[in-house]
Amino acid sequence: MLEQTESLDLAVYVVWVPRNGAREKHVRRVTGIVTDERARQYWDGHEALVAPFDERYALTGPCAGIFMVFGPEARWDGDDPPEAAYAEDAHAIQYDRSLPQFDARRFARRVMGMLP
């Protein structure tokens, strides 16, 4: 998706959490997956950022990827995160979860459709 546009209106936030045995030391090895300068990567060791989304989407089982798109008006004020304009789940089918199964092409089309 980042390779498909040079738009500076696109910002990517990658949040790594201690799931499936991951620890902060493991994250250092995988941050090279996303190298675009528009992407910011964070370690959320206490799962403070992801806990509200776990609750919102009733996530069960491992979480290897929840992909969310937010419009430019999205703000995280207080305890409640903004509502995603669109979201997909890498394990939706496997764990019978409510979000659509992640499909990289479809997700990229959604993102590109939101850019000015």
N, C-alpha and C. Protein backbone atom coordinates (compact mmCIF):
# COMPACT_ATOMS: atom_id res chain seq x y z
N MET A 1 0.83 -1.17 0.00
CA MET A 1 0.00 0.00 0.00
C MET A 1 0.88 1.25 0.00
N LEU A 2 1.89 1.29 0.86
CA LEU A 2 2.77 2.44 0.88
C LEU A 2 3.52 2.60 -0.44
N GLU A 3 3.79 1.50 -1.08
CA GLU A 3 4.49 1.54 -2.36
C GLU A 3 3.60 2.05 -3.49
N GLN A 4 2.30 2.04 -3.29
CA GLN A 4 1.37 2.43 -4.34
C GLN A 4 1.13 3.93 -4.41
N THR A 5 1.55 4.66 -3.40
CA THR A 5 1.34 6.11 -3.40
C THR A 5 2.47 6.81 -2.67
N GLU A 6 2.76 8.01 -3.12
CA GLU A 6 3.74 8.85 -2.43
C GLU A 6 3.05 9.91 -1.60
N SER A 7 1.74 9.82 -1.49
CA SER A 7 0.96 10.82 -0.79
C SER A 7 1.43 10.99 0.66
N LEU A 8 1.64 12.25 1.03
CA LEU A 8 2.01 12.56 2.42
C LEU A 8 0.76 12.60 3.30
N ASP A 9 -0.42 12.42 2.70
CA ASP A 9 -1.65 12.36 3.48
C ASP A 9 -1.83 10.99 4.13
N LEU A 10 -0.99 10.05 3.76
CA LEU A 10 -1.07 8.70 4.31
C LEU A 10 -0.04 8.55 5.43
N ALA A 11 -0.50 8.20 6.60
CA ALA A 11 0.37 7.91 7.74
C ALA A 11 0.05 6.50 8.22
N VAL A 12 1.07 5.76 8.59
CA VAL A 12 0.89 4.39 9.03
C VAL A 12 1.46 4.26 10.45
N TYR A 13 0.69 3.62 11.31
CA TYR A 13 1.13 3.36 12.67
C TYR A 13 1.11 1.86 12.89
N VAL A 14 2.26 1.31 13.19
CA VAL A 14 2.38 -0.12 13.46
C VAL A 14 2.58 -0.27 14.96
N VAL A 15 1.67 -1.00 15.59
CA VAL A 15 1.75 -1.18 17.04
C VAL A 15 2.03 -2.65 17.33
N TRP A 16 3.15 -2.91 17.95
CA TRP A 16 3.55 -4.26 18.32
C TRP A 16 3.16 -4.50 19.77
N VAL A 17 2.60 -5.66 20.04
CA VAL A 17 2.15 -5.99 21.40
C VAL A 17 2.69 -7.36 21.83
N PRO A 18 2.72 -7.61 23.13
CA PRO A 18 3.25 -8.88 23.63
C PRO A 18 2.23 -10.02 23.52
N ARG A 19 1.95 -10.42 22.29
CA ARG A 19 1.05 -11.54 22.04
C ARG A 19 1.85 -12.69 21.46
N ASN A 20 1.34 -13.86 21.60
CA ASN A 20 1.96 -15.05 21.03
C ASN A 20 3.42 -15.19 21.47
N GLY A 21 3.72 -14.77 22.68
CA GLY A 21 5.07 -14.90 23.22
C GLY A 21 6.02 -13.78 22.84
N ALA A 22 5.55 -12.78 22.12
CA ALA A 22 6.43 -11.69 21.68
C ALA A 22 6.87 -10.83 22.86
N ARG A 23 8.09 -10.38 22.78
CA ARG A 23 8.65 -9.45 23.76
C ARG A 23 9.29 -8.30 22.99
N GLU A 24 9.58 -7.23 23.69
CA GLU A 24 10.16 -6.07 23.04
C GLU A 24 11.43 -6.41 22.27
N LYS A 25 12.24 -7.30 22.81
CA LYS A 25 13.49 -7.67 22.12
C LYS A 25 13.22 -8.33 20.76
N HIS A 26 12.09 -9.00 20.62
CA HIS A 26 11.74 -9.62 19.35
C HIS A 26 11.34 -8.58 18.31
N VAL A 27 10.73 -7.51 18.75
CA VAL A 27 10.24 -6.49 17.84
C VAL A 27 11.39 -5.82 17.08
N ARG A 28 12.50 -5.65 17.73
CA ARG A 28 13.65 -5.02 17.07
C ARG A 28 14.03 -5.76 15.79
N ARG A 29 13.81 -7.05 15.77
CA ARG A 29 14.18 -7.84 14.59
C ARG A 29 13.18 -7.71 13.45
N VAL A 30 11.95 -7.32 13.73
CA VAL A 30 10.93 -7.29 12.67
C VAL A 30 10.53 -5.89 12.23
N THR A 31 11.03 -4.87 12.88
CA THR A 31 10.63 -3.52 12.49
C THR A 31 11.09 -3.18 11.08
N GLY A 32 12.06 -3.90 10.53
CA GLY A 32 12.52 -3.67 9.17
C GLY A 32 11.52 -4.08 8.11
N ILE A 33 10.44 -4.73 8.52
CA ILE A 33 9.39 -5.11 7.57
C ILE A 33 8.76 -3.86 6.96
N VAL A 34 8.58 -2.84 7.77
CA VAL A 34 7.96 -1.59 7.32
C VAL A 34 9.03 -0.51 7.39
N THR A 35 9.52 -0.07 6.24
CA THR A 35 10.64 0.87 6.21
C THR A 35 10.28 2.25 5.69
N ASP A 36 9.07 2.44 5.23
CA ASP A 36 8.65 3.72 4.68
C ASP A 36 8.70 4.80 5.77
N GLU A 37 9.19 5.98 5.40
CA GLU A 37 9.32 7.08 6.37
C GLU A 37 7.98 7.58 6.91
N ARG A 38 6.89 7.29 6.23
CA ARG A 38 5.57 7.72 6.72
C ARG A 38 5.05 6.80 7.82
N ALA A 39 5.73 5.70 8.04
CA ALA A 39 5.29 4.73 9.05
C ALA A 39 6.01 4.96 10.37
N ARG A 40 5.25 4.89 11.44
CA ARG A 40 5.79 4.97 12.80
C ARG A 40 5.49 3.65 13.48
N GLN A 41 6.45 3.12 14.24
CA GLN A 41 6.27 1.84 14.90
C GLN A 41 6.43 2.02 16.41
N TYR A 42 5.56 1.33 17.14
CA TYR A 42 5.53 1.48 18.59
C TYR A 42 5.46 0.11 19.25
N TRP A 43 6.07 0.00 20.42
CA TRP A 43 5.95 -1.18 21.27
C TRP A 43 4.95 -0.82 22.35
N ASP A 44 3.89 -1.60 22.46
CA ASP A 44 2.84 -1.38 23.45
C ASP A 44 2.89 -2.54 24.44
N GLY A 45 3.88 -2.53 25.29
CA GLY A 45 4.12 -3.63 26.23
C GLY A 45 2.99 -3.91 27.20
N HIS A 46 2.17 -2.92 27.46
CA HIS A 46 1.05 -3.11 28.39
C HIS A 46 -0.29 -3.23 27.66
N GLU A 47 -0.25 -3.24 26.32
CA GLU A 47 -1.44 -3.37 25.49
C GLU A 47 -2.48 -2.29 25.75
N ALA A 48 -2.01 -1.12 26.16
CA ALA A 48 -2.92 -0.01 26.45
C ALA A 48 -3.63 0.49 25.19
N LEU A 49 -2.91 0.51 24.07
CA LEU A 49 -3.53 0.98 22.82
C LEU A 49 -4.48 -0.03 22.23
N VAL A 50 -4.15 -1.32 22.35
CA VAL A 50 -4.95 -2.33 21.68
C VAL A 50 -6.12 -2.85 22.51
N ALA A 51 -6.08 -2.71 23.81
CA ALA A 51 -7.15 -3.24 24.67
C ALA A 51 -8.55 -2.74 24.27
N PRO A 52 -8.71 -1.44 23.99
CA PRO A 52 -10.05 -1.00 23.58
C PRO A 52 -10.53 -1.64 22.28
N PHE A 53 -9.61 -1.91 21.37
CA PHE A 53 -9.99 -2.55 20.11
C PHE A 53 -10.29 -4.03 20.31
N ASP A 54 -9.56 -4.68 21.21
CA ASP A 54 -9.88 -6.06 21.57
C ASP A 54 -11.32 -6.15 22.03
N GLU A 55 -11.69 -5.21 22.87
CA GLU A 55 -13.04 -5.19 23.42
C GLU A 55 -14.07 -4.86 22.33
N ARG A 56 -13.78 -3.84 21.55
CA ARG A 56 -14.70 -3.40 20.51
C ARG A 56 -14.99 -4.50 19.49
N TYR A 57 -13.95 -5.22 19.09
CA TYR A 57 -14.12 -6.24 18.05
C TYR A 57 -14.22 -7.65 18.60
N ALA A 58 -14.32 -7.80 19.92
CA ALA A 58 -14.45 -9.10 20.57
C ALA A 58 -13.39 -10.08 20.06
N LEU A 59 -12.14 -9.65 20.11
CA LEU A 59 -11.05 -10.48 19.61
C LEU A 59 -10.75 -11.61 20.57
N THR A 60 -10.64 -12.80 20.03
CA THR A 60 -10.28 -13.98 20.80
C THR A 60 -9.14 -14.67 20.07
N GLY A 61 -8.39 -15.48 20.76
CA GLY A 61 -7.26 -16.17 20.13
C GLY A 61 -6.13 -15.20 19.85
N PRO A 62 -5.12 -15.65 19.12
CA PRO A 62 -3.98 -14.77 18.85
C PRO A 62 -4.37 -13.60 17.96
N CYS A 63 -3.60 -12.58 18.07
CA CYS A 63 -3.85 -11.39 17.27
C CYS A 63 -2.59 -11.08 16.48
N ALA A 64 -2.54 -11.50 15.25
CA ALA A 64 -1.36 -11.26 14.42
C ALA A 64 -1.59 -10.12 13.46
N GLY A 65 -2.72 -9.52 13.50
CA GLY A 65 -2.92 -8.40 12.61
C GLY A 65 -4.35 -7.94 12.52
N ILE A 66 -4.61 -6.80 13.09
CA ILE A 66 -5.86 -6.09 12.87
C ILE A 66 -5.45 -4.85 12.10
N PHE A 67 -6.02 -4.69 10.94
CA PHE A 67 -5.66 -3.59 10.06
C PHE A 67 -6.82 -2.61 10.03
N MET A 68 -6.56 -1.36 10.43
CA MET A 68 -7.62 -0.37 10.53
C MET A 68 -7.25 0.88 9.74
N VAL A 69 -8.28 1.50 9.18
CA VAL A 69 -8.12 2.76 8.46
C VAL A 69 -8.95 3.81 9.18
N PHE A 70 -8.33 4.95 9.40
CA PHE A 70 -9.02 6.06 10.04
C PHE A 70 -8.97 7.26 9.10
N GLY A 71 -10.03 8.01 9.07
CA GLY A 71 -10.06 9.22 8.27
C GLY A 71 -9.28 10.33 8.95
N PRO A 72 -9.08 11.44 8.25
CA PRO A 72 -8.30 12.55 8.81
C PRO A 72 -8.94 13.20 10.03
N GLU A 73 -10.23 12.97 10.22
CA GLU A 73 -10.92 13.57 11.37
C GLU A 73 -10.78 12.74 12.64
N ALA A 74 -10.21 11.56 12.56
CA ALA A 74 -10.12 10.66 13.72
C ALA A 74 -9.21 11.25 14.80
N ARG A 75 -9.70 11.25 16.02
CA ARG A 75 -8.94 11.72 17.17
C ARG A 75 -9.18 10.75 18.32
N TRP A 76 -8.15 10.47 19.06
CA TRP A 76 -8.28 9.61 20.24
C TRP A 76 -8.34 10.53 21.44
N ASP A 77 -9.57 10.76 21.91
CA ASP A 77 -9.78 11.63 23.06
C ASP A 77 -10.29 10.81 24.23
N GLY A 78 -9.62 10.88 25.34
CA GLY A 78 -10.05 10.13 26.51
C GLY A 78 -9.74 8.65 26.38
N ASP A 79 -10.61 7.83 26.95
CA ASP A 79 -10.39 6.38 26.99
C ASP A 79 -10.86 5.66 25.73
N ASP A 80 -11.76 6.27 24.99
CA ASP A 80 -12.33 5.60 23.83
C ASP A 80 -11.58 5.95 22.55
N PRO A 81 -11.08 4.94 21.84
CA PRO A 81 -10.41 5.22 20.57
C PRO A 81 -11.44 5.60 19.51
N PRO A 82 -10.98 6.25 18.45
CA PRO A 82 -11.93 6.59 17.38
C PRO A 82 -12.43 5.33 16.70
N GLU A 83 -13.53 5.48 16.04
CA GLU A 83 -14.10 4.38 15.26
C GLU A 83 -13.35 4.30 13.93
N ALA A 84 -12.91 3.11 13.57
CA ALA A 84 -12.22 2.93 12.29
C ALA A 84 -13.22 3.11 11.16
N ALA A 85 -12.78 3.73 10.09
CA ALA A 85 -13.61 3.84 8.91
C ALA A 85 -13.75 2.48 8.24
N TYR A 86 -12.72 1.63 8.42
CA TYR A 86 -12.74 0.29 7.86
C TYR A 86 -11.70 -0.53 8.61
N ALA A 87 -11.97 -1.82 8.80
CA ALA A 87 -11.02 -2.70 9.51
C ALA A 87 -11.12 -4.12 8.97
N GLU A 88 -10.00 -4.82 9.00
CA GLU A 88 -9.94 -6.23 8.62
C GLU A 88 -9.08 -6.97 9.64
N ASP A 89 -9.25 -8.28 9.71
CA ASP A 89 -8.61 -9.13 10.71
C ASP A 89 -7.89 -10.29 10.02
N ALA A 90 -6.60 -10.44 10.33
CA ALA A 90 -5.82 -11.53 9.72
C ALA A 90 -6.29 -12.92 10.16
N HIS A 91 -7.02 -12.99 11.26
CA HIS A 91 -7.49 -14.30 11.77
C HIS A 91 -9.01 -14.39 11.85
N ALA A 92 -9.72 -13.60 11.08
CA ALA A 92 -11.18 -13.57 11.16
C ALA A 92 -11.81 -14.93 10.91
N ILE A 93 -11.39 -15.60 9.87
CA ILE A 93 -11.97 -16.89 9.54
C ILE A 93 -11.55 -17.95 10.55
N GLN A 94 -10.27 -17.97 10.86
CA GLN A 94 -9.73 -18.98 11.77
C GLN A 94 -10.41 -18.98 13.14
N TYR A 95 -10.73 -17.79 13.66
CA TYR A 95 -11.32 -17.70 14.99
C TYR A 95 -12.76 -17.21 14.96
N ASP A 96 -13.38 -17.24 13.80
CA ASP A 96 -14.79 -16.87 13.64
C ASP A 96 -15.07 -15.51 14.28
N ARG A 97 -14.30 -14.52 13.86
CA ARG A 97 -14.45 -13.18 14.41
C ARG A 97 -15.22 -12.30 13.44
N SER A 98 -15.69 -11.18 13.94
CA SER A 98 -16.67 -10.36 13.22
C SER A 98 -16.12 -9.53 12.05
N LEU A 99 -14.86 -9.14 12.08
CA LEU A 99 -14.31 -8.32 11.01
C LEU A 99 -14.08 -9.16 9.76
N PRO A 100 -14.04 -8.53 8.59
CA PRO A 100 -13.72 -9.29 7.38
C PRO A 100 -12.30 -9.86 7.44
N GLN A 101 -12.09 -10.97 6.80
CA GLN A 101 -10.76 -11.57 6.70
C GLN A 101 -9.84 -10.61 5.95
N PHE A 102 -8.64 -10.40 6.45
CA PHE A 102 -7.70 -9.48 5.82
C PHE A 102 -7.37 -9.93 4.41
N ASP A 103 -7.47 -8.99 3.48
CA ASP A 103 -7.09 -9.20 2.09
C ASP A 103 -6.29 -7.94 1.70
N ALA A 104 -5.00 -8.10 1.46
CA ALA A 104 -4.11 -6.95 1.24
C ALA A 104 -4.56 -6.07 0.09
N ARG A 105 -4.99 -6.66 -1.00
CA ARG A 105 -5.41 -5.85 -2.16
C ARG A 105 -6.68 -5.06 -1.86
N ARG A 106 -7.64 -5.72 -1.25
CA ARG A 106 -8.90 -5.03 -0.92
C ARG A 106 -8.63 -3.91 0.07
N PHE A 107 -7.80 -4.20 1.08
CA PHE A 107 -7.49 -3.20 2.09
C PHE A 107 -6.79 -1.99 1.45
N ALA A 108 -5.83 -2.24 0.57
CA ALA A 108 -5.13 -1.15 -0.10
C ALA A 108 -6.10 -0.32 -0.95
N ARG A 109 -7.03 -0.98 -1.62
CA ARG A 109 -8.03 -0.23 -2.41
C ARG A 109 -8.84 0.69 -1.53
N ARG A 110 -9.23 0.20 -0.36
CA ARG A 110 -10.00 1.03 0.58
C ARG A 110 -9.19 2.26 1.00
N VAL A 111 -7.93 2.02 1.35
CA VAL A 111 -7.07 3.11 1.78
C VAL A 111 -6.90 4.12 0.65
N MET A 112 -6.58 3.64 -0.54
CA MET A 112 -6.36 4.54 -1.68
C MET A 112 -7.62 5.33 -1.99
N GLY A 113 -8.77 4.73 -1.79
CA GLY A 113 -10.04 5.41 -2.03
C GLY A 113 -10.31 6.53 -1.05
N MET A 114 -9.63 6.54 0.07
CA MET A 114 -9.82 7.58 1.08
C MET A 114 -8.85 8.76 0.92
N LEU A 115 -7.81 8.55 0.13
CA LEU A 115 -6.82 9.62 -0.05
C LEU A 115 -7.36 10.71 -0.97
N PRO A 116 -7.00 11.97 -0.68
CA PRO A 116 -7.46 13.07 -1.55
C PRO A 116 -6.83 12.98 -2.94
